[in-house]
Protein backbone atom coordinates (compact mmCIF):
# COMPACT_ATOMS: atom_id res chain seq x y z
CA MET A 1 -111.44 94.19 19.10
CA GLU A 2 -109.27 93.60 22.09
CA LYS A 3 -110.67 90.75 24.64
CA THR A 4 -112.19 91.89 27.99
CA GLY A 5 -112.83 90.19 31.14
CA TYR A 6 -114.19 91.52 34.35
CA ILE A 7 -113.43 92.21 38.12
CA GLU A 8 -116.40 91.85 40.74
CA ILE A 9 -116.79 93.60 43.99
CA LYS A 10 -119.57 91.97 45.81
CA VAL A 11 -120.89 93.56 48.97
CA THR A 12 -123.24 91.91 51.49
CA GLY A 13 -124.94 93.11 54.84
CA ARG A 14 -127.40 95.11 56.27
CA LYS A 15 -128.42 98.64 57.06
CA GLY A 16 -130.28 98.01 60.23
CA ASN A 17 -133.32 95.72 59.06
CA ILE A 18 -132.68 96.33 55.48
CA GLU A 19 -130.58 94.01 53.63
CA LEU A 20 -128.08 95.46 51.20
CA LYS A 21 -129.17 95.51 47.43
CA PRO A 22 -128.89 97.98 44.57
CA ASP A 23 -131.92 99.75 45.67
CA THR A 24 -130.52 100.32 49.38
CA TYR A 25 -126.91 101.24 48.38
CA ASP A 26 -126.25 104.62 48.54
CA ILE A 27 -124.85 106.98 45.82
CA LYS A 28 -121.77 107.64 47.85
CA GLU A 29 -121.17 104.08 48.52
CA VAL A 30 -121.38 103.80 44.67
CA ILE A 31 -118.87 106.24 43.87
CA SER A 32 -116.20 105.21 46.72
CA ILE A 33 -116.47 101.58 45.01
CA ILE A 34 -115.98 103.11 41.67
CA GLU A 35 -112.94 105.21 43.22
CA GLN A 36 -111.32 102.26 44.96
CA ALA A 37 -111.64 99.78 41.85
CA GLU A 38 -109.64 102.10 39.71
CA LYS A 39 -106.90 102.40 42.52
CA LEU A 40 -107.15 98.46 42.63
CA ILE A 41 -106.93 97.73 38.91
CA PHE A 42 -104.43 100.57 37.70
CA PRO A 43 -102.55 101.94 40.85
CA GLY A 44 -100.46 104.02 38.49
CA GLU A 45 -100.72 106.89 36.02
CA LYS A 46 -104.55 106.96 35.04
CA ARG A 47 -104.20 108.54 31.77
CA GLU A 48 -102.39 105.57 30.34
CA ARG A 49 -105.19 102.85 31.54
CA PRO A 50 -107.58 101.06 28.96
CA LEU A 51 -111.58 101.79 29.36
CA ILE A 52 -113.14 100.60 32.22
CA SER A 53 -117.04 100.06 32.11
CA TYR A 54 -119.28 99.65 35.23
CA LYS A 55 -122.37 97.72 36.00
CA LEU A 56 -124.59 97.58 39.29
CA GLU A 57 -126.39 93.94 39.48
CA GLU A 58 -128.60 92.24 41.95
CA GLY A 59 -127.29 89.80 44.15
CA SER A 60 -127.02 91.56 47.38
CA VAL A 61 -125.02 94.54 45.56
CA ARG A 62 -122.48 93.18 42.75
CA ASN A 63 -120.17 95.60 41.11
CA ILE A 64 -119.11 94.60 37.77
CA PHE A 65 -115.86 96.35 36.25
CA ARG A 66 -115.16 95.20 32.60
CA THR A 67 -111.65 96.09 31.28
CA SER A 68 -108.96 94.46 28.97
CA MET A 69 -108.18 90.81 29.72
CA GLN A 70 -104.47 91.82 30.21
CA ALA A 71 -105.46 93.87 33.11
CA VAL A 72 -107.72 91.46 34.44
CA ILE A 73 -105.04 88.59 34.35
CA GLY A 74 -102.66 90.85 36.11
CA PHE A 75 -105.17 91.65 38.82
CA GLY A 76 -105.81 88.03 39.16
CA ALA A 77 -102.13 87.31 40.11
CA VAL A 78 -102.72 90.20 42.61
CA LEU A 79 -105.40 88.66 44.32
CA SER A 80 -103.62 85.34 44.62
CA GLN A 81 -100.49 86.85 46.25
CA ILE A 82 -102.84 88.46 48.70
CA GLN A 83 -104.58 85.05 49.63
CA THR A 84 -101.18 83.21 49.92
CA SER A 85 -99.27 86.01 51.87
CA GLN A 86 -102.35 87.29 53.88
CA ASN A 87 -100.96 90.81 54.00
CA ILE A 88 -100.87 93.80 51.59
CA ASP A 89 -97.38 95.11 52.49
CA PHE A 90 -96.03 94.10 48.68
CA LEU A 91 -98.87 96.13 47.01
CA GLU A 92 -98.39 99.39 45.28
CA LEU A 93 -99.55 102.14 47.51
CA ASN A 94 -102.65 103.13 45.66
CA THR A 95 -103.80 99.40 45.67
CA ALA A 96 -103.05 98.64 49.28
CA LYS A 97 -104.86 102.07 50.29
CA ALA A 98 -108.04 100.36 48.31
CA ILE A 99 -107.72 97.15 50.19
CA GLU A 100 -107.74 99.12 53.33
CA SER A 101 -110.85 101.06 52.41
CA PHE A 102 -112.72 97.92 52.00
CA GLN A 103 -111.53 96.77 55.42
CA GLU A 104 -112.48 99.86 57.19
CA SER A 105 -115.90 99.71 55.63
CA ALA A 106 -116.05 96.08 56.84
CA VAL A 107 -115.34 96.72 60.31
CA LYS A 108 -117.32 100.21 60.59
CA LYS A 109 -120.44 98.90 58.88
CA ASP A 110 -120.21 95.32 59.13
CA TYR A 111 -120.29 94.58 55.58
CA ASN A 112 -118.55 91.60 53.70
CA PHE A 113 -116.74 91.96 50.45
CA GLU A 114 -115.73 89.63 48.07
CA ILE A 115 -113.44 90.41 45.04
CA SER A 116 -113.03 88.05 42.15
CA THR A 117 -112.40 88.11 38.44
CA SER A 118 -114.05 86.34 35.35
CA LEU A 119 -111.24 84.01 35.47
CA ASN A 120 -112.24 80.66 37.00
CA GLU A 121 -108.36 80.09 38.57
CA THR A 122 -108.44 83.31 40.34
CA PRO A 123 -109.17 82.83 43.95
CA LYS A 124 -111.85 85.03 45.72
CA LEU A 125 -110.59 87.33 48.20
CA LYS A 126 -113.02 87.88 51.11
CA ILE A 127 -112.73 90.82 53.28
CA ASP A 128 -114.93 91.34 56.61
CA SER A 129 -114.49 92.17 60.06
CA SER A 130 -112.47 89.35 60.96
CA THR A 131 -110.08 90.01 58.38
CA ASN A 132 -106.91 92.49 59.09
CA TYR A 133 -105.88 93.95 55.65
CA TYR A 134 -103.80 96.77 56.93
CA ARG A 135 -100.25 98.06 55.99
CA ALA A 136 -97.35 97.61 58.48
CA THR A 137 -97.14 101.42 59.69
CA GLU A 138 -93.38 100.78 60.52
CA HIS A 139 -92.44 100.55 56.87
CA TRP A 140 -93.24 104.31 56.16
CA SER A 141 -91.45 107.31 57.67
CA GLU A 142 -91.01 111.17 56.81
CA ALA A 143 -88.58 112.22 54.31
CA GLU A 144 -87.96 115.20 52.20
CA PHE A 145 -87.90 115.22 48.18
CA TYR A 146 -86.89 117.87 45.39
CA PHE A 147 -89.31 117.43 42.36
CA TYR A 148 -88.67 119.19 39.16
CA GLY A 149 -91.25 119.59 36.53
CA LYS A 150 -94.07 121.78 35.08
CA ILE A 151 -96.70 123.45 37.27
CA THR A 152 -100.07 122.61 35.87
CA ASN A 153 -102.45 123.78 38.22
CA ALA A 154 -102.14 125.72 41.68
CA GLY A 155 -104.90 126.65 43.95
CA GLY A 156 -108.08 125.51 45.66
CA LYS A 157 -111.19 126.82 47.39
CA ASP A 158 -110.43 125.10 50.91
CA LYS A 159 -107.32 123.05 50.72
CA ALA A 160 -104.72 124.76 48.16
CA ASN A 161 -102.35 122.35 46.19
CA ILE A 162 -99.79 122.59 43.30
CA HIS A 163 -100.31 119.99 40.39
CA LEU A 164 -96.51 119.35 39.29
CA PHE A 165 -96.06 117.32 36.33
CA VAL A 166 -92.65 115.27 37.15
CA GLU A 167 -91.29 113.19 34.04
CA GLU A 168 -90.73 110.23 36.14
CA LEU A 169 -93.72 109.96 38.47
CA GLY A 170 -96.64 111.70 36.33
CA THR A 171 -98.73 114.52 38.26
CA VAL A 172 -98.20 114.84 41.75
CA PHE A 173 -100.22 117.03 44.03
CA ILE A 174 -98.53 119.14 46.78
CA GLN A 175 -100.52 120.58 49.72
CA THR A 176 -99.64 124.22 49.67
CA PRO A 177 -100.47 127.24 52.00
CA GLN A 178 -102.86 129.30 50.45
CA GLN A 179 -100.88 132.44 51.56
CA PHE A 180 -97.98 131.37 49.88
CA LEU A 181 -100.04 131.04 46.19
CA ALA A 182 -101.82 134.59 47.23
CA GLU A 183 -98.53 136.29 47.66
CA ARG A 184 -96.82 135.29 44.51
CA GLU A 185 -97.00 138.24 41.84
CA GLU A 186 -95.84 135.91 38.91
CA ASN A 187 -98.10 133.29 37.22
CA LEU A 188 -96.46 130.04 37.98
CA LEU A 189 -98.63 127.96 35.54
CA TYR A 190 -96.90 126.22 32.83
CA LYS A 191 -93.55 126.86 34.09
CA THR A 192 -91.00 124.73 35.19
CA PHE A 193 -89.79 124.77 38.98
CA GLY A 194 -88.21 122.57 41.67
CA ILE A 195 -90.22 122.24 44.68
CA ARG A 196 -88.81 121.02 48.01
CA VAL A 197 -91.55 118.86 49.79
CA LYS A 198 -91.84 116.66 52.73
CA GLY A 199 -93.92 113.32 52.78
CA LYS A 200 -94.03 109.48 53.51
CA GLN A 201 -91.75 107.01 52.10
CA ASN A 202 -91.62 103.24 52.36
CA THR A 203 -88.21 102.32 54.07
CA GLU A 204 -88.02 98.98 52.23
CA THR A 205 -89.31 99.85 48.54
CA GLY A 206 -88.42 103.50 48.56
CA GLU A 207 -91.95 104.24 47.20
CA ILE A 208 -93.50 107.73 47.91
CA ASP A 209 -96.77 108.32 49.29
CA LYS A 210 -97.82 110.92 46.75
CA SER A 211 -100.92 111.65 48.70
CA SER A 212 -98.94 112.85 51.67
CA LEU A 213 -96.67 115.64 50.07
CA SER A 214 -96.90 118.98 51.35
CA PHE A 215 -95.01 122.17 50.16
CA LEU A 216 -91.80 123.52 51.86
CA GLU A 217 -89.82 125.57 49.32
CA LEU A 218 -90.29 126.59 45.46
CA ILE A 219 -87.03 126.36 43.61
CA ASP A 220 -86.63 128.52 40.38
CA TYR A 221 -85.26 126.21 37.88
CA ASN A 222 -83.57 127.37 34.71
CA LYS A 223 -81.90 124.62 32.36
CA LYS A 224 -80.74 127.82 30.18
CA TYR A 225 -76.65 127.85 29.58
CA ASP A 226 -75.41 131.12 31.27
CA GLU A 227 -71.82 131.95 29.90
CA ILE A 228 -71.89 135.45 32.08
CA TYR A 229 -72.77 133.51 35.24
CA LEU A 230 -69.95 130.75 34.58
CA ARG A 231 -67.44 133.20 33.57
CA ASN A 232 -67.95 135.08 36.83
CA LEU A 233 -67.33 132.01 38.76
CA ARG A 234 -64.04 131.19 36.69
CA ASN A 235 -62.88 134.65 37.84
CA LYS A 236 -63.77 134.57 41.28
CA ALA A 237 -61.73 131.19 41.40
CA LYS A 238 -58.68 132.92 39.77
CA GLY A 239 -57.95 135.07 42.72
CA TRP A 240 -56.88 132.28 45.01
CA LEU A 241 -55.52 129.97 42.35
CA VAL A 242 -52.93 132.56 40.51
CA ASN A 243 -50.38 132.17 43.30
CA ILE A 244 -50.66 128.44 44.22
CA ASN A 245 -47.46 126.28 43.38
CA PRO A 246 -49.51 123.32 41.64
CA ASP A 247 -47.07 120.50 43.00
CA GLU A 248 -46.98 121.74 46.38
CA TRP A 249 -50.82 121.91 46.62
CA LEU A 250 -51.07 118.51 45.28
CA LYS A 251 -48.78 117.12 47.83
CA GLU A 252 -50.52 118.88 50.54
CA ILE A 253 -54.08 117.34 49.41
CA ARG A 254 -52.64 114.02 49.29
CA GLY A 255 -50.88 114.24 52.67
CA TYR A 256 -47.13 114.06 51.45
CA ASP A 257 -44.37 115.64 53.20
CA ALA A 258 -43.11 118.91 51.19
């Protein structure tokens, strides 16, 4: 059986005169903690992660996440680096966003967060209204990207988006105008397309903020070898190539005197 450890996110504070404890911790706050914890521990493709179990305990509010020891050791190294550098610019995007989420809650609600692991040598990361764990905004800029992959879902009641499975990145979610999807006569699902999008990219690491992607253009993408199409291109080229003297043409291209 695989060895496991745990990661703890302890929350202390008050709601008015009421001290935080499991009975006074709202379910929306619990859901938010769970969502952010998954980003902290496994910022990449979620389908490949090991099991994470959850337990809520007394002691203000103790959120316990048990998972593989390998993941706990890796996360402990991340905590150590944050503690040493006192910034989060080096983190993967989802991990940095999770830390920022705790920082925002600390400022808005005057909560105190303490993140630790079951490993004795791992430092405890404390986040409160006096800390400043935010990314440097100057590292991110607008850019355009071309993604090629299979569309696995498209639509949405309020905010429409396309789910595109890209081999190198996993599934990316692209905000898409509802009008575009409504006007498409063909079924897009499970077909391969190229999509031109805009979004944010880290100017230092090249990392793409996959939550910022918005649709620009759909590109038909057909990898099938088309002999007729290639033959027509060759025939077009023959028209101006037939009367060219190869030696003179090469001299002209290279800049030699005739």
